[in-house]
Amino acid sequence: MYGVLVIGAPGAGKSTFCAGLTDIFSQIGRPFCTINLDPANDTMAYAPDVNITEMITVTDVMDRLGLGPNGALKYCIETLGANSDWLLQVYISYSRKLKIE
């Protein structure tokens, strides 16, 4: 199994890269799983298989707790850390659909 971790500044092209990679893998029939861990990313050119926004979003935290974007992002990442079992379970349930050996 191989993995690609894509990180970078806002506007750097992370989503564009992931959309292109998703398209290529689909065309060649390679099994893959995309995981979005950015709770502020609500517009993607691809549909992630696992998405943190199913659990929490920066916008919801800002509205609910009155935090700014940086504080809300920090809160979201802390929430993901406290609920890492959620991420693992969602990934495991999805990966069973793939035949990864």
PDB file of N, CA and C in Angstrom:
ATOM      1  N   MET A   1       0.844  -1.167   0.000  1.00  0.00           N
ATOM      2  CA  MET A   1       0.000   0.000   0.000  1.00  0.00           C
ATOM      3  C   MET A   1       0.894   1.236   0.000  1.00  0.00           C
ATOM      4  N   TYR A   2       0.489   2.233  -0.746  1.00  0.00           N
ATOM      5  CA  TYR A   2       1.221   3.479  -0.834  1.00  0.00           C
ATOM      6  C   TYR A   2       0.323   4.607  -0.344  1.00  0.00           C
ATOM      7  N   GLY A   3       0.926   5.699   0.040  1.00  0.00           N
ATOM      8  CA  GLY A   3       0.156   6.848   0.484  1.00  0.00           C
ATOM      9  C   GLY A   3       0.808   8.139   0.028  1.00  0.00           C
ATOM     10  N   VAL A   4      -0.004   9.155  -0.105  1.00  0.00           N
ATOM     11  CA  VAL A   4       0.474  10.485  -0.453  1.00  0.00           C
ATOM     12  C   VAL A   4      -0.132  11.446   0.556  1.00  0.00           C
ATOM     13  N   LEU A   5       0.707  12.148   1.288  1.00  0.00           N
ATOM     14  CA  LEU A   5       0.250  13.170   2.228  1.00  0.00           C
ATOM     15  C   LEU A   5       0.481  14.514   1.565  1.00  0.00           C
ATOM     16  N   VAL A   6      -0.596  15.264   1.378  1.00  0.00           N
ATOM     17  CA  VAL A   6      -0.509  16.534   0.679  1.00  0.00           C
ATOM     18  C   VAL A   6      -0.753  17.656   1.685  1.00  0.00           C
ATOM     19  N   ILE A   7       0.266  18.483   1.885  1.00  0.00           N
ATOM     20  CA  ILE A   7       0.153  19.618   2.791  1.00  0.00           C
ATOM     21  C   ILE A   7       0.648  20.868   2.078  1.00  0.00           C
ATOM     22  N   GLY A   8       0.174  22.017   2.527  1.00  0.00           N
ATOM     23  CA  GLY A   8       0.630  23.261   1.930  1.00  0.00           C
ATOM     24  C   GLY A   8      -0.239  24.420   2.367  1.00  0.00           C
ATOM     25  N   ALA A   9       0.195  25.585   1.992  1.00  0.00           N
ATOM     26  CA  ALA A   9      -0.517  26.819   2.331  1.00  0.00           C
ATOM     27  C   ALA A   9      -1.835  26.912   1.562  1.00  0.00           C
ATOM     28  N   PRO A  10      -2.772  27.716   2.072  1.00  0.00           N
ATOM     29  CA  PRO A  10      -4.021  27.933   1.326  1.00  0.00           C
ATOM     30  C   PRO A  10      -3.717  28.446  -0.089  1.00  0.00           C
ATOM     31  N   GLY A  11      -4.383  27.880  -1.067  1.00  0.00           N
ATOM     32  CA  GLY A  11      -4.205  28.306  -2.444  1.00  0.00           C
ATOM     33  C   GLY A  11      -3.012  27.691  -3.153  1.00  0.00           C
ATOM     34  N   ALA A  12      -2.323  26.783  -2.495  1.00  0.00           N
ATOM     35  CA  ALA A  12      -1.116  26.187  -3.082  1.00  0.00           C
ATOM     36  C   ALA A  12      -1.432  25.144  -4.155  1.00  0.00           C
ATOM     37  N   GLY A  13      -2.664  24.670  -4.218  1.00  0.00           N
ATOM     38  CA  GLY A  13      -3.036  23.678  -5.224  1.00  0.00           C
ATOM     39  C   GLY A  13      -3.213  22.270  -4.687  1.00  0.00           C
ATOM     40  N   LYS A  14      -3.373  22.132  -3.379  1.00  0.00           N
ATOM     41  CA  LYS A  14      -3.534  20.796  -2.770  1.00  0.00           C
ATOM     42  C   LYS A  14      -4.762  20.084  -3.325  1.00  0.00           C
ATOM     43  N   SER A  15      -5.891  20.767  -3.345  1.00  0.00           N
ATOM     44  CA  SER A  15      -7.132  20.147  -3.836  1.00  0.00           C
ATOM     45  C   SER A  15      -7.048  19.846  -5.322  1.00  0.00           C
ATOM     46  N   THR A  16      -6.428  20.734  -6.081  1.00  0.00           N
ATOM     47  CA  THR A  16      -6.254  20.497  -7.522  1.00  0.00           C
ATOM     48  C   THR A  16      -5.386  19.264  -7.755  1.00  0.00           C
ATOM     49  N   PHE A  17      -4.312  19.140  -6.998  1.00  0.00           N
ATOM     50  CA  PHE A  17      -3.438  17.971  -7.103  1.00  0.00           C
ATOM     51  C   PHE A  17      -4.203  16.695  -6.762  1.00  0.00           C
ATOM     52  N   CYS A  18      -4.959  16.734  -5.662  1.00  0.00           N
ATOM     53  CA  CYS A  18      -5.719  15.545  -5.241  1.00  0.00           C
ATOM     54  C   CYS A  18      -6.792  15.182  -6.258  1.00  0.00           C
ATOM     55  N   ALA A  19      -7.439  16.183  -6.845  1.00  0.00           N
ATOM     56  CA  ALA A  19      -8.442  15.912  -7.878  1.00  0.00           C
ATOM     57  C   ALA A  19      -7.796  15.244  -9.083  1.00  0.00           C
ATOM     58  N   GLY A  20      -6.620  15.726  -9.471  1.00  0.00           N
ATOM     59  CA  GLY A  20      -5.910  15.117 -10.601  1.00  0.00           C
ATOM     60  C   GLY A  20      -5.476  13.697 -10.306  1.00  0.00           C
ATOM     61  N   LEU A  21      -4.971  13.472  -9.111  1.00  0.00           N
ATOM     62  CA  LEU A  21      -4.538  12.137  -8.718  1.00  0.00           C
ATOM     63  C   LEU A  21      -5.736  11.178  -8.660  1.00  0.00           C
ATOM     64  N   THR A  22      -6.837  11.655  -8.143  1.00  0.00           N
ATOM     65  CA  THR A  22      -8.065  10.854  -8.092  1.00  0.00           C
ATOM     66  C   THR A  22      -8.509  10.473  -9.500  1.00  0.00           C
ATOM     67  N   ASP A  23      -8.449  11.423 -10.408  1.00  0.00           N
ATOM     68  CA  ASP A  23      -8.836  11.171 -11.795  1.00  0.00           C
ATOM     69  C   ASP A  23      -7.926  10.125 -12.438  1.00  0.00           C
ATOM     70  N   ILE A  24      -6.625  10.277 -12.241  1.00  0.00           N
ATOM     71  CA  ILE A  24      -5.665   9.317 -12.825  1.00  0.00           C
ATOM     72  C   ILE A  24      -5.889   7.915 -12.263  1.00  0.00           C
ATOM     73  N   PHE A  25      -6.011   7.810 -10.934  1.00  0.00           N
ATOM     74  CA  PHE A  25      -6.214   6.491 -10.327  1.00  0.00           C
ATOM     75  C   PHE A  25      -7.514   5.856 -10.814  1.00  0.00           C
ATOM     76  N   SER A  26      -8.554   6.656 -10.977  1.00  0.00           N
ATOM     77  CA  SER A  26      -9.822   6.130 -11.493  1.00  0.00           C
ATOM     78  C   SER A  26      -9.652   5.606 -12.913  1.00  0.00           C
ATOM     79  N   GLN A  27      -8.944   6.356 -13.742  1.00  0.00           N
ATOM     80  CA  GLN A  27      -8.760   5.961 -15.137  1.00  0.00           C
ATOM     81  C   GLN A  27      -7.951   4.684 -15.288  1.00  0.00           C
ATOM     82  N   ILE A  28      -6.960   4.474 -14.421  1.00  0.00           N
ATOM     83  CA  ILE A  28      -6.138   3.267 -14.572  1.00  0.00           C
ATOM     84  C   ILE A  28      -6.655   2.100 -13.724  1.00  0.00           C
ATOM     85  N   GLY A  29      -7.754   2.329 -12.993  1.00  0.00           N
ATOM     86  CA  GLY A  29      -8.356   1.261 -12.217  1.00  0.00           C
ATOM     87  C   GLY A  29      -7.605   0.908 -10.944  1.00  0.00           C
ATOM     88  N   ARG A  30      -6.836   1.831 -10.421  1.00  0.00           N
ATOM     89  CA  ARG A  30      -6.077   1.579  -9.191  1.00  0.00           C
ATOM     90  C   ARG A  30      -6.950   1.889  -7.976  1.00  0.00           C
ATOM     91  N   PRO A  31      -7.032   0.966  -7.029  1.00  0.00           N
ATOM     92  CA  PRO A  31      -7.814   1.248  -5.827  1.00  0.00           C
ATOM     93  C   PRO A  31      -7.148   2.359  -5.004  1.00  0.00           C
ATOM     94  N   PHE A  32      -7.954   3.241  -4.469  1.00  0.00           N
ATOM     95  CA  PHE A  32      -7.426   4.340  -3.670  1.00  0.00           C
ATOM     96  C   PHE A  32      -8.505   4.840  -2.713  1.00  0.00           C
ATOM     97  N   CYS A  33      -8.068   5.604  -1.761  1.00  0.00           N
ATOM     98  CA  CYS A  33      -8.968   6.201  -0.782  1.00  0.00           C
ATOM     99  C   CYS A  33      -8.487   7.627  -0.538  1.00  0.00           C
ATOM    100  N   THR A  34      -9.371   8.590  -0.648  1.00  0.00           N
ATOM    101  CA  THR A  34      -8.994   9.973  -0.368  1.00  0.00           C
ATOM    102  C   THR A  34      -9.552  10.363   1.002  1.00  0.00           C
ATOM    103  N   ILE A  35      -8.716  11.034   1.785  1.00  0.00           N
ATOM    104  CA  ILE A  35      -9.086  11.444   3.139  1.00  0.00           C
ATOM    105  C   ILE A  35      -8.868  12.948   3.255  1.00  0.00           C
ATOM    106  N   ASN A  36      -9.908  13.684   3.549  1.00  0.00           N
ATOM    107  CA  ASN A  36      -9.793  15.126   3.762  1.00  0.00           C
ATOM    108  C   ASN A  36      -9.749  15.400   5.259  1.00  0.00           C
ATOM    109  N   LEU A  37      -8.640  15.968   5.724  1.00  0.00           N
ATOM    110  CA  LEU A  37      -8.498  16.319   7.134  1.00  0.00           C
ATOM    111  C   LEU A  37      -8.529  17.829   7.346  1.00  0.00           C
ATOM    112  N   ASP A  38      -8.993  18.570   6.362  1.00  0.00           N
ATOM    113  CA  ASP A  38      -9.090  20.026   6.467  1.00  0.00           C
ATOM    114  C   ASP A  38     -10.532  20.414   6.771  1.00  0.00           C
ATOM    115  N   PRO A  39     -10.824  20.783   8.017  1.00  0.00           N
ATOM    116  CA  PRO A  39     -12.201  21.110   8.387  1.00  0.00           C
ATOM    117  C   PRO A  39     -12.676  22.442   7.808  1.00  0.00           C
ATOM    118  N   ALA A  40     -11.789  23.177   7.139  1.00  0.00           N
ATOM    119  CA  ALA A  40     -12.168  24.445   6.522  1.00  0.00           C
ATOM    120  C   ALA A  40     -12.406  24.293   5.015  1.00  0.00           C
ATOM    121  N   ASN A  41     -12.092  23.130   4.459  1.00  0.00           N
ATOM    122  CA  ASN A  41     -12.230  22.923   3.016  1.00  0.00           C
ATOM    123  C   ASN A  41     -13.629  22.417   2.699  1.00  0.00           C
ATOM    124  N   ASP A  42     -14.457  23.306   2.168  1.00  0.00           N
ATOM    125  CA  ASP A  42     -15.825  22.906   1.851  1.00  0.00           C
ATOM    126  C   ASP A  42     -16.093  22.870   0.349  1.00  0.00           C
ATOM    127  N   THR A  43     -15.088  23.151  -0.464  1.00  0.00           N
ATOM    128  CA  THR A  43     -15.252  23.077  -1.911  1.00  0.00           C
ATOM    129  C   THR A  43     -14.086  22.288  -2.497  1.00  0.00           C
ATOM    130  N   MET A  44     -14.379  21.065  -2.892  1.00  0.00           N
ATOM    131  CA  MET A  44     -13.358  20.201  -3.482  1.00  0.00           C
ATOM    132  C   MET A  44     -13.822  19.728  -4.848  1.00  0.00           C
ATOM    133  N   ALA A  45     -12.889  19.586  -5.762  1.00  0.00           N
ATOM    134  CA  ALA A  45     -13.203  19.118  -7.113  1.00  0.00           C
ATOM    135  C   ALA A  45     -13.297  17.595  -7.167  1.00  0.00           C
ATOM    136  N   TYR A  46     -13.237  16.964  -6.026  1.00  0.00           N
ATOM    137  CA  TYR A  46     -13.362  15.510  -5.928  1.00  0.00           C
ATOM    138  C   TYR A  46     -14.145  15.217  -4.653  1.00  0.00           C
ATOM    139  N   ALA A  47     -14.705  14.036  -4.574  1.00  0.00           N
ATOM    140  CA  ALA A  47     -15.459  13.643  -3.378  1.00  0.00           C
ATOM    141  C   ALA A  47     -14.562  12.765  -2.515  1.00  0.00           C
ATOM    142  N   PRO A  48     -14.108  13.273  -1.360  1.00  0.00           N
ATOM    143  CA  PRO A  48     -13.252  12.447  -0.508  1.00  0.00           C
ATOM    144  C   PRO A  48     -14.031  11.260   0.058  1.00  0.00           C
ATOM    145  N   ASP A  49     -13.344  10.160   0.226  1.00  0.00           N
ATOM    146  CA  ASP A  49     -13.979   8.962   0.779  1.00  0.00           C
ATOM    147  C   ASP A  49     -14.169   9.093   2.282  1.00  0.00           C
ATOM    148  N   VAL A  50     -13.229   9.744   2.928  1.00  0.00           N
ATOM    149  CA  VAL A  50     -13.295  10.014   4.364  1.00  0.00           C
ATOM    150  C   VAL A  50     -13.123  11.519   4.519  1.00  0.00           C
ATOM    151  N   ASN A  51     -14.024  12.159   5.251  1.00  0.00           N
ATOM    152  CA  ASN A  51     -14.016  13.607   5.310  1.00  0.00           C
ATOM    153  C   ASN A  51     -14.256  14.092   6.741  1.00  0.00           C
ATOM    154  N   ILE A  52     -13.315  14.857   7.287  1.00  0.00           N
ATOM    155  CA  ILE A  52     -13.462  15.383   8.642  1.00  0.00           C
ATOM    156  C   ILE A  52     -14.716  16.249   8.771  1.00  0.00           C
ATOM    157  N   THR A  53     -15.162  16.838   7.671  1.00  0.00           N
ATOM    158  CA  THR A  53     -16.343  17.702   7.750  1.00  0.00           C
ATOM    159  C   THR A  53     -17.620  16.919   8.060  1.00  0.00           C
ATOM    160  N   GLU A  54     -17.541  15.603   8.017  1.00  0.00           N
ATOM    161  CA  GLU A  54     -18.675  14.786   8.489  1.00  0.00           C
ATOM    162  C   GLU A  54     -18.781  14.872  10.011  1.00  0.00           C
ATOM    163  N   MET A  55     -17.667  15.195  10.672  1.00  0.00           N
ATOM    164  CA  MET A  55     -17.634  15.272  12.123  1.00  0.00           C
ATOM    165  C   MET A  55     -17.682  16.718  12.604  1.00  0.00           C
ATOM    166  N   ILE A  56     -16.902  17.600  11.968  1.00  0.00           N
ATOM    167  CA  ILE A  56     -16.781  18.968  12.459  1.00  0.00           C
ATOM    168  C   ILE A  56     -16.295  19.872  11.326  1.00  0.00           C
ATOM    169  N   THR A  57     -16.747  21.138  11.348  1.00  0.00           N
ATOM    170  CA  THR A  57     -16.279  22.115  10.367  1.00  0.00           C
ATOM    171  C   THR A  57     -15.875  23.400  11.080  1.00  0.00           C
ATOM    172  N   VAL A  58     -14.977  24.124  10.463  1.00  0.00           N
ATOM    173  CA  VAL A  58     -14.537  25.408  11.015  1.00  0.00           C
ATOM    174  C   VAL A  58     -15.715  26.372  11.116  1.00  0.00           C
ATOM    175  N   THR A  59     -16.548  26.408  10.104  1.00  0.00           N
ATOM    176  CA  THR A  59     -17.699  27.322  10.108  1.00  0.00           C
ATOM    177  C   THR A  59     -18.627  27.031  11.273  1.00  0.00           C
ATOM    178  N   ASP A  60     -18.935  25.761  11.507  1.00  0.00           N
ATOM    179  CA  ASP A  60     -19.812  25.400  12.628  1.00  0.00           C
ATOM    180  C   ASP A  60     -19.202  25.817  13.963  1.00  0.00           C
ATOM    181  N   VAL A  61     -17.906  25.597  14.128  1.00  0.00           N
ATOM    182  CA  VAL A  61     -17.231  25.956  15.380  1.00  0.00           C
ATOM    183  C   VAL A  61     -17.218  27.471  15.564  1.00  0.00           C
ATOM    184  N   MET A  62     -16.961  28.202  14.491  1.00  0.00           N
ATOM    185  CA  MET A  62     -16.972  29.663  14.578  1.00  0.00           C
ATOM    186  C   MET A  62     -18.348  30.168  15.006  1.00  0.00           C
ATOM    187  N   ASP A  63     -19.395  29.606  14.406  1.00  0.00           N
ATOM    188  CA  ASP A  63     -20.765  30.021  14.745  1.00  0.00           C
ATOM    189  C   ASP A  63     -21.136  29.624  16.168  1.00  0.00           C
ATOM    190  N   ARG A  64     -20.808  28.394  16.538  1.00  0.00           N
ATOM    191  CA  ARG A  64     -21.225  27.863  17.837  1.00  0.00           C
ATOM    192  C   ARG A  64     -20.427  28.440  19.002  1.00  0.00           C
ATOM    193  N   LEU A  65     -19.117  28.595  18.827  1.00  0.00           N
ATOM    194  CA  LEU A  65     -18.270  29.013  19.944  1.00  0.00           C
ATOM    195  C   LEU A  65     -17.781  30.458  19.839  1.00  0.00           C
ATOM    196  N   GLY A  66     -18.102  31.115  18.745  1.00  0.00           N
ATOM    197  CA  GLY A  66     -17.694  32.502  18.576  1.00  0.00           C
ATOM    198  C   GLY A  66     -16.195  32.672  18.406  1.00  0.00           C
ATOM    199  N   LEU A  67     -15.522  31.667  17.876  1.00  0.00           N
ATOM    200  CA  LEU A  67     -14.078  31.738  17.654  1.00  0.00           C
ATOM    201  C   LEU A  67     -13.786  32.316  16.270  1.00  0.00           C
ATOM    202  N   GLY A  68     -12.585  32.848  16.096  1.00  0.00           N
ATOM    203  CA  GLY A  68     -12.126  33.266  14.782  1.00  0.00           C
ATOM    204  C   GLY A  68     -11.665  32.049  13.998  1.00  0.00           C
ATOM    205  N   PRO A  69     -11.252  32.246  12.744  1.00  0.00           N
ATOM    206  CA  PRO A  69     -10.885  31.097  11.908  1.00  0.00           C
ATOM    207  C   PRO A  69      -9.706  30.285  12.454  1.00  0.00           C
ATOM    208  N   ASN A  70      -8.699  30.953  13.008  1.00  0.00           N
ATOM    209  CA  ASN A  70      -7.547  30.204  13.537  1.00  0.00           C
ATOM    210  C   ASN A  70      -7.918  29.415  14.787  1.00  0.00           C
ATOM    211  N   GLY A  71      -8.652  30.038  15.696  1.00  0.00           N
ATOM    212  CA  GLY A  71      -9.089  29.343  16.903  1.00  0.00           C
ATOM    213  C   GLY A  71     -10.007  28.182  16.575  1.00  0.00           C
ATOM    214  N   ALA A  72     -10.891  28.388  15.595  1.00  0.00           N
ATOM    215  CA  ALA A  72     -11.813  27.324  15.185  1.00  0.00           C
ATOM    216  C   ALA A  72     -11.064  26.159  14.553  1.00  0.00           C
ATOM    217  N   LEU A  73     -10.054  26.466  13.743  1.00  0.00           N
ATOM    218  CA  LEU A  73      -9.255  25.399  13.128  1.00  0.00           C
ATOM    219  C   LEU A  73      -8.517  24.606  14.192  1.00  0.00           C
ATOM    220  N   LYS A  74      -7.937  25.302  15.158  1.00  0.00           N
ATOM    221  CA  LYS A  74      -7.240  24.629  16.260  1.00  0.00           C
ATOM    222  C   LYS A  74      -8.212  23.732  17.031  1.00  0.00           C
ATOM    223  N   TYR A  75      -9.396  24.236  17.305  1.00  0.00           N
ATOM    224  CA  TYR A  75     -10.414  23.461  18.011  1.00  0.00           C
ATOM    225  C   TYR A  75     -10.788  22.210  17.209  1.00  0.00           C
ATOM    226  N   CYS A  76     -10.954  22.359  15.904  1.00  0.00           N
ATOM    227  CA  CYS A  76     -11.314  21.218  15.058  1.00  0.00           C
ATOM    228  C   CYS A  76     -10.238  20.143  15.075  1.00  0.00           C
ATOM    229  N   ILE A  77      -8.980  20.553  14.988  1.00  0.00           N
ATOM    230  CA  ILE A  77      -7.877  19.581  14.985  1.00  0.00           C
ATOM    231  C   ILE A  77      -7.781  18.895  16.341  1.00  0.00           C
ATOM    232  N   GLU A  78      -7.985  19.649  17.419  1.00  0.00           N
ATOM    233  CA  GLU A  78      -7.998  19.035  18.756  1.00  0.00           C
ATOM    234  C   GLU A  78      -9.153  18.039  18.868  1.00  0.00           C
ATOM    235  N   THR A  79     -10.291  18.371  18.294  1.00  0.00           N
ATOM    236  CA  THR A  79     -11.446  17.465  18.308  1.00  0.00           C
ATOM    237  C   THR A  79     -11.137  16.192  17.527  1.00  0.00           C
ATOM    238  N   LEU A  80     -10.468  16.333  16.378  1.00  0.00           N
ATOM    239  CA  LEU A  80     -10.079  15.152  15.611  1.00  0.00           C
ATOM    240  C   LEU A  80      -9.128  14.283  16.425  1.00  0.00           C
ATOM    241  N   GLY A  81      -8.173  14.908  17.098  1.00  0.00           N
ATOM    242  CA  GLY A  81      -7.239  14.154  17.936  1.00  0.00           C
ATOM    243  C   GLY A  81      -7.945  13.405  19.050  1.00  0.00           C
ATOM    244  N   ALA A  82      -8.936  14.054  19.665  1.00  0.00           N
ATOM    245  CA  ALA A  82      -9.684  13.420  20.751  1.00  0.00           C
ATOM    246  C   ALA A  82     -10.613  12.323  20.236  1.00  0.00           C
ATOM    247  N   ASN A  83     -10.919  12.357  18.941  1.00  0.00           N
ATOM    248  CA  ASN A  83     -11.823  11.377  18.337  1.00  0.00           C
ATOM    249  C   ASN A  83     -11.129  10.606  17.225  1.00  0.00           C
ATOM    250  N   SER A  84      -9.857  10.323  17.399  1.00  0.00           N
ATOM    251  CA  SER A  84      -9.106   9.623  16.356  1.00  0.00           C
ATOM    252  C   SER A  84      -9.690   8.244  16.062  1.00  0.00           C
ATOM    253  N   ASP A  85     -10.404   7.674  17.024  1.00  0.00           N
ATOM    254  CA  ASP A  85     -11.060   6.389  16.786  1.00  0.00           C
ATOM    255  C   ASP A  85     -12.114   6.518  15.690  1.00  0.00           C
ATOM    256  N   TRP A  86     -12.766   7.684  15.597  1.00  0.00           N
ATOM    257  CA  TRP A  86     -13.744   7.925  14.518  1.00  0.00           C
ATOM    258  C   TRP A  86     -13.058   7.809  13.169  1.00  0.00           C
ATOM    259  N   LEU A  87     -11.922   8.499  13.024  1.00  0.00           N
ATOM    260  CA  LEU A  87     -11.180   8.478  11.764  1.00  0.00           C
ATOM    261  C   LEU A  87     -10.759   7.056  11.415  1.00  0.00           C
ATOM    262  N   LEU A  88     -10.243   6.341  12.387  1.00  0.00           N
ATOM    263  CA  LEU A  88      -9.806   4.970  12.152  1.00  0.00           C
ATOM    264  C   LEU A  88     -10.973   4.074  11.735  1.00  0.00           C
ATOM    265  N   GLN A  89     -12.099   4.182  12.402  1.00  0.00           N
ATOM    266  CA  GLN A  89     -13.254   3.346  12.081  1.00  0.00           C
ATOM    267  C   GLN A  89     -13.815   3.654  10.695  1.00  0.00           C
ATOM    268  N   VAL A  90     -13.898   4.941  10.352  1.00  0.00           N
ATOM    269  CA  VAL A  90     -14.396   5.315   9.026  1.00  0.00           C
ATOM    270  C   VAL A  90     -13.454   4.795   7.950  1.00  0.00           C
ATOM    271  N   TYR A  91     -12.142   4.941   8.188  1.00  0.00           N
ATOM    272  CA  TYR A  91     -11.170   4.446   7.211  1.00  0.00           C
ATOM    273  C   TYR A  91     -11.247   2.928   7.082  1.00  0.00           C
ATOM    274  N   ILE A  92     -11.310   2.220   8.193  1.00  0.00           N
ATOM    275  CA  ILE A  92     -11.381   0.756   8.152  1.00  0.00           C
ATOM    276  C   ILE A  92     -12.621   0.295   7.398  1.00  0.00           C
ATOM    277  N   SER A  93     -13.754   0.927   7.674  1.00  0.00           N
ATOM    278  CA  SER A  93     -14.981   0.507   6.986  1.00  0.00           C
ATOM    279  C   SER A  93     -14.881   0.777   5.488  1.00  0.00           C
ATOM    280  N   TYR A  94     -14.220   1.868   5.110  1.00  0.00           N
ATOM    281  CA  TYR A  94     -14.058   2.142   3.682  1.00  0.00           C
ATOM    282  C   TYR A  94     -13.019   1.217   3.063  1.00  0.00           C
ATOM    283  N   SER A  95     -11.916   0.990   3.747  1.00  0.00           N
ATOM    284  CA  SER A  95     -10.839   0.192   3.166  1.00  0.00           C
ATOM    285  C   SER A  95     -11.265  -1.254   2.937  1.00  0.00           C
ATOM    286  N   ARG A  96     -12.269  -1.714   3.647  1.00  0.00           N
ATOM    287  CA  ARG A  96     -12.760  -3.065   3.413  1.00  0.00           C
ATOM    288  C   ARG A  96     -13.390  -3.192   2.036  1.00  0.00           C
ATOM    289  N   LYS A  97     -13.860  -2.053   1.479  1.00  0.00           N
ATOM    290  CA  LYS A  97     -14.421  -2.061   0.127  1.00  0.00           C
ATOM    291  C   LYS A  97     -13.329  -2.178  -0.924  1.00  0.00           C
ATOM    292  N   LEU A  98     -12.116  -1.769  -0.528  1.00  0.00           N
ATOM    293  CA  LEU A  98     -10.970  -1.866  -1.436  1.00  0.00           C
ATOM    294  C   LEU A  98     -10.284  -3.201  -1.225  1.00  0.00           C
ATOM    295  N   LYS A  99      -9.655  -3.690  -2.213  1.00  0.00           N
ATOM    296  CA  LYS A  99      -8.917  -4.940  -2.054  1.00  0.00           C
ATOM    297  C   LYS A  99      -7.447  -4.596  -1.938  1.00  0.00           C
ATOM    298  N   ILE A 100      -7.086  -4.026  -0.808  1.00  0.00           N
ATOM    299  CA  ILE A 100      -5.699  -3.634  -0.567  1.00  0.00           C
ATOM    300  C   ILE A 100      -4.983  -4.802   0.096  1.00  0.00           C
ATOM    301  N   GLU A 101      -3.889  -5.218  -0.490  1.00  0.00           N
ATOM    302  CA  GLU A 101      -3.136  -6.341   0.049  1.00  0.00           C
ATOM    303  C   GLU A 101      -1.723  -5.913   0.370  1.00  0.00           C
TER     304      GLU A 101
END
